[in-house]
N, C-alpha and C. Protein backbone atom coordinates (compact mmCIF):
# COMPACT_ATOMS: atom_id res chain seq x y z
N UNK A 1 -68.71 -186.76 48.74
CA UNK A 1 -67.84 -185.74 48.21
C UNK A 1 -68.40 -185.28 46.88
N UNK A 2 -68.26 -184.04 46.58
CA UNK A 2 -68.77 -183.43 45.37
C UNK A 2 -67.84 -183.70 44.20
N UNK A 3 -68.41 -184.21 43.10
CA UNK A 3 -67.61 -184.50 41.91
C UNK A 3 -67.22 -183.23 41.17
N UNK A 4 -67.78 -182.09 41.57
CA UNK A 4 -67.54 -180.83 40.86
C UNK A 4 -66.57 -179.92 41.60
N UNK A 5 -65.79 -180.46 42.51
CA UNK A 5 -64.79 -179.64 43.19
C UNK A 5 -63.76 -179.16 42.18
N UNK A 6 -63.20 -177.96 42.40
CA UNK A 6 -62.22 -177.44 41.44
C UNK A 6 -60.91 -178.24 41.47
N UNK A 7 -60.31 -178.36 40.31
CA UNK A 7 -59.01 -179.00 40.20
C UNK A 7 -57.99 -178.22 41.02
N UNK A 8 -57.16 -178.94 41.76
CA UNK A 8 -56.12 -178.28 42.57
C UNK A 8 -55.15 -177.54 41.65
N UNK A 9 -54.69 -176.41 42.12
CA UNK A 9 -53.75 -175.60 41.32
C UNK A 9 -52.49 -176.41 41.04
N UNK A 10 -51.98 -176.24 39.84
CA UNK A 10 -50.82 -177.00 39.41
C UNK A 10 -49.61 -176.75 40.30
N UNK A 11 -49.37 -175.52 40.67
CA UNK A 11 -48.19 -175.23 41.51
C UNK A 11 -48.38 -175.80 42.91
N UNK A 12 -49.62 -175.92 43.40
CA UNK A 12 -49.86 -176.58 44.69
C UNK A 12 -49.53 -178.06 44.59
N UNK A 13 -49.90 -178.66 43.46
CA UNK A 13 -49.62 -180.09 43.28
C UNK A 13 -48.11 -180.36 43.21
N UNK A 14 -47.38 -179.49 42.52
CA UNK A 14 -45.92 -179.66 42.45
C UNK A 14 -45.27 -179.42 43.81
N UNK A 15 -45.76 -178.45 44.56
CA UNK A 15 -45.23 -178.19 45.91
C UNK A 15 -45.50 -179.39 46.81
N UNK A 16 -46.70 -179.96 46.70
CA UNK A 16 -47.04 -181.14 47.50
C UNK A 16 -46.15 -182.33 47.12
N UNK A 17 -45.83 -182.46 45.83
CA UNK A 17 -44.94 -183.53 45.39
C UNK A 17 -43.55 -183.38 45.99
N UNK A 18 -43.06 -182.17 46.05
CA UNK A 18 -41.74 -181.92 46.64
C UNK A 18 -41.75 -182.27 48.13
N UNK A 19 -42.77 -181.81 48.84
CA UNK A 19 -42.92 -182.10 50.27
C UNK A 19 -43.06 -183.60 50.48
N UNK A 20 -43.86 -184.24 49.63
CA UNK A 20 -44.07 -185.69 49.73
C UNK A 20 -42.76 -186.45 49.56
N UNK A 21 -41.91 -185.97 48.68
CA UNK A 21 -40.60 -186.60 48.47
C UNK A 21 -39.78 -186.60 49.75
N UNK A 22 -39.79 -185.48 50.46
CA UNK A 22 -39.05 -185.40 51.72
C UNK A 22 -39.62 -186.37 52.76
N UNK A 23 -40.95 -186.42 52.86
CA UNK A 23 -41.58 -187.35 53.81
C UNK A 23 -41.28 -188.80 53.43
N UNK A 24 -41.36 -189.09 52.14
CA UNK A 24 -41.12 -190.45 51.67
C UNK A 24 -39.68 -190.88 51.91
N UNK A 25 -38.74 -189.96 51.78
CA UNK A 25 -37.34 -190.30 52.06
C UNK A 25 -37.17 -190.78 53.50
N UNK A 26 -37.86 -190.15 54.43
CA UNK A 26 -37.78 -190.58 55.83
C UNK A 26 -38.37 -191.99 55.99
N UNK A 27 -39.51 -192.24 55.36
CA UNK A 27 -40.14 -193.56 55.43
C UNK A 27 -39.21 -194.62 54.83
N UNK A 28 -38.63 -194.32 53.68
CA UNK A 28 -37.74 -195.28 53.02
C UNK A 28 -36.45 -195.49 53.80
N UNK A 29 -35.96 -194.46 54.45
CA UNK A 29 -34.77 -194.60 55.29
C UNK A 29 -35.03 -195.60 56.41
N UNK A 30 -36.17 -195.48 57.06
CA UNK A 30 -36.53 -196.39 58.15
C UNK A 30 -36.73 -197.81 57.61
N UNK A 31 -37.44 -197.92 56.48
CA UNK A 31 -37.68 -199.24 55.88
C UNK A 31 -36.37 -199.90 55.48
N UNK A 32 -35.47 -199.13 54.90
CA UNK A 32 -34.16 -199.64 54.50
C UNK A 32 -33.37 -200.11 55.72
N UNK A 33 -33.37 -199.32 56.76
CA UNK A 33 -32.66 -199.67 57.99
C UNK A 33 -33.20 -200.99 58.56
N UNK A 34 -34.53 -201.12 58.61
CA UNK A 34 -35.13 -202.35 59.14
C UNK A 34 -34.75 -203.56 58.29
N UNK A 35 -34.81 -203.42 56.98
CA UNK A 35 -34.48 -204.52 56.09
C UNK A 35 -33.02 -204.95 56.25
N UNK A 36 -32.12 -203.98 56.26
CA UNK A 36 -30.69 -204.29 56.41
C UNK A 36 -30.41 -204.90 57.78
N UNK A 37 -31.06 -204.39 58.81
CA UNK A 37 -30.86 -204.92 60.17
C UNK A 37 -31.33 -206.36 60.28
N UNK A 38 -32.40 -206.69 59.59
CA UNK A 38 -32.95 -208.04 59.68
C UNK A 38 -32.22 -209.04 58.78
N UNK A 39 -31.64 -208.60 57.68
CA UNK A 39 -31.01 -209.53 56.75
C UNK A 39 -29.51 -209.70 56.96
N UNK A 40 -28.83 -208.69 57.42
CA UNK A 40 -27.39 -208.74 57.70
C UNK A 40 -26.53 -209.15 56.50
N UNK A 41 -27.01 -208.92 55.29
CA UNK A 41 -26.24 -209.31 54.11
C UNK A 41 -26.42 -208.26 53.02
N UNK A 42 -25.72 -207.16 53.14
CA UNK A 42 -25.92 -206.03 52.23
C UNK A 42 -25.18 -206.17 50.91
N UNK A 43 -24.37 -207.19 50.73
CA UNK A 43 -23.51 -207.25 49.55
C UNK A 43 -23.99 -208.18 48.44
N UNK A 44 -24.82 -209.14 48.74
CA UNK A 44 -25.19 -210.11 47.71
C UNK A 44 -26.14 -209.48 46.69
N UNK A 45 -26.04 -209.91 45.42
CA UNK A 45 -26.95 -209.39 44.39
C UNK A 45 -28.42 -209.69 44.70
N UNK A 46 -28.66 -210.87 45.28
CA UNK A 46 -30.03 -211.22 45.65
C UNK A 46 -30.57 -210.24 46.69
N UNK A 47 -29.74 -209.91 47.66
CA UNK A 47 -30.14 -208.95 48.70
C UNK A 47 -30.52 -207.62 48.07
N UNK A 48 -29.70 -207.14 47.15
CA UNK A 48 -29.95 -205.84 46.53
C UNK A 48 -31.26 -205.85 45.74
N UNK A 49 -31.53 -206.94 45.04
CA UNK A 49 -32.78 -207.05 44.28
C UNK A 49 -33.98 -207.10 45.22
N UNK A 50 -33.86 -207.90 46.28
CA UNK A 50 -34.96 -207.99 47.25
C UNK A 50 -35.20 -206.66 47.96
N UNK A 51 -34.14 -205.93 48.24
CA UNK A 51 -34.27 -204.62 48.87
C UNK A 51 -35.02 -203.65 47.96
N UNK A 52 -34.70 -203.66 46.69
CA UNK A 52 -35.40 -202.77 45.75
C UNK A 52 -36.88 -203.12 45.66
N UNK A 53 -37.18 -204.41 45.57
CA UNK A 53 -38.58 -204.84 45.52
C UNK A 53 -39.30 -204.43 46.80
N UNK A 54 -38.66 -204.67 47.93
CA UNK A 54 -39.23 -204.31 49.24
C UNK A 54 -39.53 -202.81 49.32
N UNK A 55 -38.60 -201.97 48.87
CA UNK A 55 -38.81 -200.53 48.94
C UNK A 55 -39.94 -200.07 48.01
N UNK A 56 -40.09 -200.71 46.87
CA UNK A 56 -41.21 -200.39 45.97
C UNK A 56 -42.52 -200.78 46.62
N UNK A 57 -42.55 -201.93 47.28
CA UNK A 57 -43.76 -202.36 48.00
C UNK A 57 -44.08 -201.39 49.13
N UNK A 58 -43.07 -200.94 49.86
CA UNK A 58 -43.28 -199.96 50.93
C UNK A 58 -43.87 -198.68 50.36
N UNK A 59 -43.34 -198.20 49.24
CA UNK A 59 -43.88 -196.98 48.62
C UNK A 59 -45.32 -197.19 48.16
N UNK A 60 -45.60 -198.33 47.55
CA UNK A 60 -46.96 -198.62 47.09
C UNK A 60 -47.93 -198.65 48.26
N UNK A 61 -47.51 -199.27 49.36
CA UNK A 61 -48.36 -199.33 50.55
C UNK A 61 -48.57 -197.94 51.15
N UNK A 62 -47.51 -197.16 51.23
CA UNK A 62 -47.57 -195.80 51.78
C UNK A 62 -48.58 -194.95 51.00
N UNK A 63 -48.39 -194.90 49.68
CA UNK A 63 -49.27 -194.06 48.87
C UNK A 63 -50.69 -194.61 48.83
N UNK A 64 -50.86 -195.91 48.67
CA UNK A 64 -52.21 -196.49 48.62
C UNK A 64 -52.98 -196.22 49.90
N UNK A 65 -52.33 -196.39 51.03
CA UNK A 65 -53.00 -196.17 52.32
C UNK A 65 -53.49 -194.73 52.43
N UNK A 66 -52.64 -193.78 52.12
CA UNK A 66 -53.04 -192.37 52.21
C UNK A 66 -54.06 -191.99 51.15
N UNK A 67 -53.85 -192.40 49.92
CA UNK A 67 -54.75 -192.02 48.84
C UNK A 67 -56.15 -192.59 49.04
N UNK A 68 -56.25 -193.80 49.58
CA UNK A 68 -57.57 -194.38 49.85
C UNK A 68 -58.31 -193.59 50.93
N UNK A 69 -57.57 -192.86 51.74
CA UNK A 69 -58.17 -192.01 52.77
C UNK A 69 -58.32 -190.56 52.28
N UNK A 70 -57.94 -190.30 51.04
CA UNK A 70 -58.17 -189.00 50.44
C UNK A 70 -56.97 -188.10 50.33
N UNK A 71 -56.01 -188.23 51.24
CA UNK A 71 -54.85 -187.35 51.16
C UNK A 71 -53.74 -187.80 52.09
N UNK A 72 -52.53 -187.43 51.69
CA UNK A 72 -51.35 -187.65 52.52
C UNK A 72 -51.09 -186.38 53.31
N UNK A 73 -50.10 -186.40 54.17
CA UNK A 73 -49.76 -185.20 54.94
C UNK A 73 -49.39 -184.05 54.02
N UNK A 74 -48.61 -184.33 52.99
CA UNK A 74 -48.22 -183.27 52.05
C UNK A 74 -49.44 -182.71 51.32
N UNK A 75 -50.35 -183.58 50.93
CA UNK A 75 -51.56 -183.12 50.25
C UNK A 75 -52.43 -182.31 51.21
N UNK A 76 -52.50 -182.74 52.45
CA UNK A 76 -53.29 -182.00 53.44
C UNK A 76 -52.71 -180.61 53.65
N UNK A 77 -51.39 -180.50 53.70
CA UNK A 77 -50.73 -179.21 53.88
C UNK A 77 -51.11 -178.24 52.77
N UNK A 78 -51.21 -178.74 51.54
CA UNK A 78 -51.53 -177.89 50.39
C UNK A 78 -53.01 -177.92 50.05
N UNK A 79 -53.83 -178.50 50.93
CA UNK A 79 -55.29 -178.55 50.77
C UNK A 79 -55.70 -179.19 49.44
N UNK A 80 -55.13 -180.38 49.23
CA UNK A 80 -55.40 -181.16 48.03
C UNK A 80 -55.98 -182.50 48.47
N UNK A 81 -56.97 -182.98 47.73
CA UNK A 81 -57.53 -184.31 47.96
C UNK A 81 -57.46 -185.08 46.65
N UNK A 82 -57.31 -186.37 46.76
CA UNK A 82 -57.39 -187.23 45.59
C UNK A 82 -58.71 -187.99 45.69
N UNK A 83 -59.48 -187.92 44.62
CA UNK A 83 -60.79 -188.56 44.58
C UNK A 83 -60.95 -189.29 43.25
N UNK A 84 -61.94 -190.18 43.20
CA UNK A 84 -62.31 -190.79 41.93
C UNK A 84 -62.97 -189.73 41.06
N UNK A 85 -63.08 -189.98 39.78
CA UNK A 85 -63.68 -188.98 38.89
C UNK A 85 -65.11 -188.65 39.28
N UNK A 86 -65.79 -189.57 39.98
CA UNK A 86 -67.16 -189.28 40.43
C UNK A 86 -67.18 -188.60 41.80
N UNK A 87 -66.01 -188.33 42.36
CA UNK A 87 -65.92 -187.63 43.64
C UNK A 87 -65.84 -188.53 44.86
N UNK A 88 -65.92 -189.85 44.66
CA UNK A 88 -65.86 -190.78 45.79
C UNK A 88 -64.41 -191.09 46.16
N UNK A 89 -64.25 -191.81 47.28
CA UNK A 89 -62.91 -192.22 47.71
C UNK A 89 -62.34 -193.24 46.74
N UNK A 90 -61.01 -193.29 46.67
CA UNK A 90 -60.34 -194.24 45.79
C UNK A 90 -60.48 -195.66 46.32
N UNK A 91 -60.57 -196.59 45.39
CA UNK A 91 -60.50 -198.01 45.74
C UNK A 91 -59.02 -198.40 45.79
N UNK A 92 -58.74 -199.56 46.35
CA UNK A 92 -57.36 -200.05 46.37
C UNK A 92 -56.84 -200.18 44.94
N UNK A 93 -57.67 -200.67 44.04
CA UNK A 93 -57.27 -200.83 42.64
C UNK A 93 -56.87 -199.48 42.04
N UNK A 94 -57.68 -198.45 42.26
CA UNK A 94 -57.36 -197.13 41.72
C UNK A 94 -56.06 -196.58 42.32
N UNK A 95 -55.89 -196.78 43.63
CA UNK A 95 -54.68 -196.29 44.29
C UNK A 95 -53.44 -196.97 43.73
N UNK A 96 -53.52 -198.28 43.53
CA UNK A 96 -52.37 -199.02 42.98
C UNK A 96 -52.10 -198.65 41.52
N UNK A 97 -53.17 -198.47 40.74
CA UNK A 97 -52.99 -198.04 39.35
C UNK A 97 -52.37 -196.65 39.30
N UNK A 98 -52.84 -195.76 40.15
CA UNK A 98 -52.29 -194.40 40.20
C UNK A 98 -50.79 -194.46 40.53
N UNK A 99 -50.44 -195.32 41.49
CA UNK A 99 -49.03 -195.48 41.86
C UNK A 99 -48.21 -196.01 40.68
N UNK A 100 -48.69 -197.07 40.05
CA UNK A 100 -47.95 -197.67 38.93
C UNK A 100 -47.80 -196.69 37.77
N UNK A 101 -48.89 -196.00 37.41
CA UNK A 101 -48.82 -195.05 36.30
C UNK A 101 -47.95 -193.84 36.63
N UNK A 102 -47.84 -193.50 37.89
CA UNK A 102 -47.03 -192.33 38.26
C UNK A 102 -45.54 -192.57 38.05
N UNK A 103 -45.16 -193.84 37.83
CA UNK A 103 -43.75 -194.15 37.57
C UNK A 103 -43.31 -193.69 36.18
N UNK A 104 -44.24 -193.22 35.38
CA UNK A 104 -43.88 -192.64 34.08
C UNK A 104 -43.40 -191.21 34.33
N UNK A 105 -42.40 -191.09 35.18
CA UNK A 105 -41.93 -189.81 35.71
C UNK A 105 -41.65 -188.83 34.57
N UNK A 106 -42.11 -187.63 34.77
CA UNK A 106 -41.90 -186.57 33.79
C UNK A 106 -43.04 -186.49 32.80
N UNK A 107 -43.35 -187.62 32.17
CA UNK A 107 -44.43 -187.63 31.19
C UNK A 107 -45.76 -187.28 31.85
N UNK A 108 -46.03 -187.88 33.00
CA UNK A 108 -47.33 -187.65 33.64
C UNK A 108 -47.49 -186.22 34.12
N UNK A 109 -46.41 -185.60 34.56
CA UNK A 109 -46.50 -184.23 35.05
C UNK A 109 -46.60 -183.24 33.89
N UNK A 110 -45.84 -183.46 32.82
CA UNK A 110 -45.89 -182.58 31.66
C UNK A 110 -47.28 -182.61 31.03
N UNK A 111 -47.92 -183.76 31.09
CA UNK A 111 -49.26 -183.93 30.54
C UNK A 111 -50.22 -182.87 31.09
N UNK A 112 -50.07 -182.50 32.34
CA UNK A 112 -50.99 -181.55 32.99
C UNK A 112 -51.01 -180.20 32.29
N UNK A 113 -49.91 -179.83 31.66
CA UNK A 113 -49.87 -178.54 30.96
C UNK A 113 -50.72 -178.54 29.69
N UNK A 114 -51.02 -179.73 29.17
CA UNK A 114 -51.78 -179.84 27.92
C UNK A 114 -53.18 -180.43 28.13
N UNK A 115 -53.43 -180.99 29.28
CA UNK A 115 -54.72 -181.61 29.58
C UNK A 115 -55.79 -180.52 29.73
N UNK A 116 -56.97 -180.74 29.18
CA UNK A 116 -58.03 -179.72 29.22
C UNK A 116 -58.44 -179.36 30.64
N UNK A 117 -58.31 -180.32 31.58
CA UNK A 117 -58.66 -180.08 32.98
C UNK A 117 -57.43 -179.89 33.86
N UNK A 118 -56.24 -179.93 33.26
CA UNK A 118 -55.01 -179.75 34.03
C UNK A 118 -54.65 -180.94 34.91
N UNK A 119 -55.17 -182.12 34.57
CA UNK A 119 -54.89 -183.31 35.38
C UNK A 119 -53.61 -183.99 34.89
N UNK A 120 -52.95 -184.69 35.82
CA UNK A 120 -51.78 -185.50 35.46
C UNK A 120 -52.24 -186.72 34.67
N UNK A 121 -51.35 -187.26 33.84
CA UNK A 121 -51.67 -188.43 33.04
C UNK A 121 -52.01 -189.62 33.92
N UNK A 122 -51.27 -189.83 35.01
CA UNK A 122 -51.56 -190.99 35.87
C UNK A 122 -52.94 -190.87 36.51
N UNK A 123 -53.43 -189.65 36.73
CA UNK A 123 -54.80 -189.49 37.24
C UNK A 123 -55.82 -189.84 36.17
N UNK A 124 -55.57 -189.42 34.94
CA UNK A 124 -56.47 -189.77 33.83
C UNK A 124 -56.55 -191.29 33.69
N UNK A 125 -55.39 -191.95 33.69
CA UNK A 125 -55.36 -193.40 33.48
C UNK A 125 -55.98 -194.18 34.63
N UNK A 126 -55.85 -193.68 35.85
CA UNK A 126 -56.37 -194.38 37.03
C UNK A 126 -57.81 -194.00 37.36
N UNK A 127 -58.37 -193.01 36.65
CA UNK A 127 -59.74 -192.58 36.93
C UNK A 127 -59.83 -191.78 38.22
N UNK A 128 -58.81 -190.95 38.48
CA UNK A 128 -58.77 -190.15 39.70
C UNK A 128 -58.59 -188.68 39.35
N UNK A 129 -58.81 -187.82 40.35
CA UNK A 129 -58.62 -186.37 40.18
C UNK A 129 -57.98 -185.81 41.44
N UNK A 130 -57.17 -184.77 41.27
CA UNK A 130 -56.66 -184.00 42.40
C UNK A 130 -57.47 -182.72 42.47
N UNK A 131 -58.15 -182.54 43.59
CA UNK A 131 -59.05 -181.40 43.73
C UNK A 131 -58.65 -180.56 44.94
N UNK A 132 -59.13 -179.33 44.95
CA UNK A 132 -58.92 -178.46 46.10
C UNK A 132 -59.82 -178.94 47.22
N UNK A 133 -59.25 -179.12 48.40
CA UNK A 133 -60.01 -179.58 49.57
C UNK A 133 -60.75 -178.39 50.16
N UNK A 134 -62.06 -178.42 50.09
CA UNK A 134 -62.88 -177.31 50.57
C UNK A 134 -63.12 -177.38 52.08
N UNK A 135 -62.76 -178.49 52.70
CA UNK A 135 -62.99 -178.65 54.13
C UNK A 135 -61.98 -177.84 54.93
N UNK A 136 -62.36 -177.40 56.14
CA UNK A 136 -61.39 -176.66 56.96
C UNK A 136 -60.21 -177.56 57.34
N UNK A 137 -59.04 -176.97 57.43
CA UNK A 137 -57.81 -177.72 57.74
C UNK A 137 -57.79 -178.23 59.15
């Protein structure tokens, strides 16, 4: 992959984030249903804590799996790829760092308006870039 691909347009990235949210809600709904069905104890404080941890792990796995392959369905729809700063595919470490840093909700997105390359803060911190996918859809 070329390290000199153009940065994906900011409005494409925000549109992909909105679409990704809808897709992720479906994944989390299924994960939540499976967890509740298997545990049969929705009221205990321990259950609630374990459910939250489980859902965070599901989200981390979802994003890491797609990002290591270059793009999620939402990113593919908007012709966006996530790559390392050198243009290569993400490592598991980079994908997990990108996920963890993206939890700085709001700050990371606002950063793009001031960044010289228009990148999100979590991409800067994880050593990744969102680029326009030049390949045919």
